[in-house]
Amino acid sequence: MKRRATLTAKQARILAFIKRHIKKHKYPPTVREISDHYGLWWSGCDQHLALIERKGYLRRIPNTARGIVPV
């Protein structure tokens, strides 16, 4: 089984936020909700999500507002 790359501290916090949001609301947050929560620009948040996805911790569904799925 292939080992996943380690997340940075910020990436781990973002992933934990996504999981908490899903547990509380029963649906994933939008990129805007994540960026607002952490005080990030939308594009910076999108870059973090892309890296987390590349490392294998989540999957994003294109063209879907709440298309963030933890793996």
Protein backbone atom coordinates (compact mmCIF):
# COMPACT_ATOMS: atom_id res chain seq x y z
CA MET A 1 0.00 0.00 0.00
CA LYS A 2 1.34 3.42 -0.99
CA ARG A 3 2.12 5.77 1.89
CA ARG A 4 0.60 9.25 1.73
CA ALA A 5 2.70 12.39 1.98
CA THR A 6 2.58 14.20 5.31
CA LEU A 7 0.39 17.28 5.64
CA THR A 8 1.77 20.58 6.87
CA ALA A 9 0.31 21.94 10.13
CA LYS A 10 -1.94 24.37 8.23
CA GLN A 11 -3.12 21.66 5.83
CA ALA A 12 -3.91 19.38 8.78
CA ARG A 13 -5.95 22.18 10.42
CA ILE A 14 -7.88 22.79 7.20
CA LEU A 15 -8.63 19.07 6.81
CA ALA A 16 -9.76 18.89 10.46
CA PHE A 17 -12.03 21.92 9.88
CA ILE A 18 -13.58 20.22 6.85
CA LYS A 19 -14.25 17.03 8.85
CA ARG A 20 -15.74 19.00 11.79
CA HIS A 21 -17.94 20.98 9.44
CA ILE A 22 -19.25 17.80 7.79
CA LYS A 23 -19.90 16.20 11.18
CA LYS A 24 -21.78 19.27 12.46
CA HIS A 25 -23.71 20.32 9.33
CA LYS A 26 -23.87 17.00 7.39
CA TYR A 27 -22.34 18.65 4.29
CA PRO A 28 -18.87 19.97 3.43
CA PRO A 29 -17.89 23.65 3.60
CA THR A 30 -17.36 25.77 0.51
CA VAL A 31 -13.92 27.10 -0.35
CA ARG A 32 -15.21 30.54 0.68
CA GLU A 33 -16.26 29.25 4.13
CA ILE A 34 -12.84 27.67 4.65
CA SER A 35 -10.99 30.80 3.49
CA ASP A 36 -13.17 33.05 5.70
CA HIS A 37 -12.58 30.80 8.72
CA TYR A 38 -8.79 30.97 8.34
CA GLY A 39 -8.53 34.52 6.99
CA LEU A 40 -7.07 33.34 3.69
CA TRP A 41 -7.58 34.65 0.19
CA TRP A 42 -9.81 32.32 -1.85
CA SER A 43 -6.91 31.48 -4.19
CA GLY A 44 -4.60 30.61 -1.28
CA CYS A 45 -7.23 28.34 0.21
CA ASP A 46 -7.73 26.68 -3.19
CA GLN A 47 -3.97 26.03 -3.38
CA HIS A 48 -4.00 24.39 0.06
CA LEU A 49 -6.93 22.20 -0.96
CA ALA A 50 -5.17 21.22 -4.18
CA LEU A 51 -2.09 20.13 -2.19
CA ILE A 52 -4.19 18.21 0.34
CA GLU A 53 -5.93 16.49 -2.57
CA ARG A 54 -2.62 15.72 -4.29
CA LYS A 55 -1.38 14.14 -1.05
CA GLY A 56 -4.45 11.86 -1.06
CA TYR A 57 -6.39 13.14 1.96
CA LEU A 58 -9.41 14.52 0.12
CA ARG A 59 -11.14 14.49 -3.23
CA ARG A 60 -12.75 17.48 -4.90
CA ILE A 61 -15.66 17.24 -7.30
CA PRO A 62 -15.20 19.82 -10.09
CA ASN A 63 -17.85 22.51 -10.63
CA THR A 64 -19.59 21.69 -7.34
CA ALA A 65 -19.85 24.31 -4.57
CA ARG A 66 -19.61 21.79 -1.75
CA GLY A 67 -17.61 19.19 -3.63
CA ILE A 68 -14.95 18.48 -0.98
CA VAL A 69 -14.85 14.87 0.20
CA PRO A 70 -12.32 13.60 2.80
CA VAL A 71 -10.84 10.25 1.78
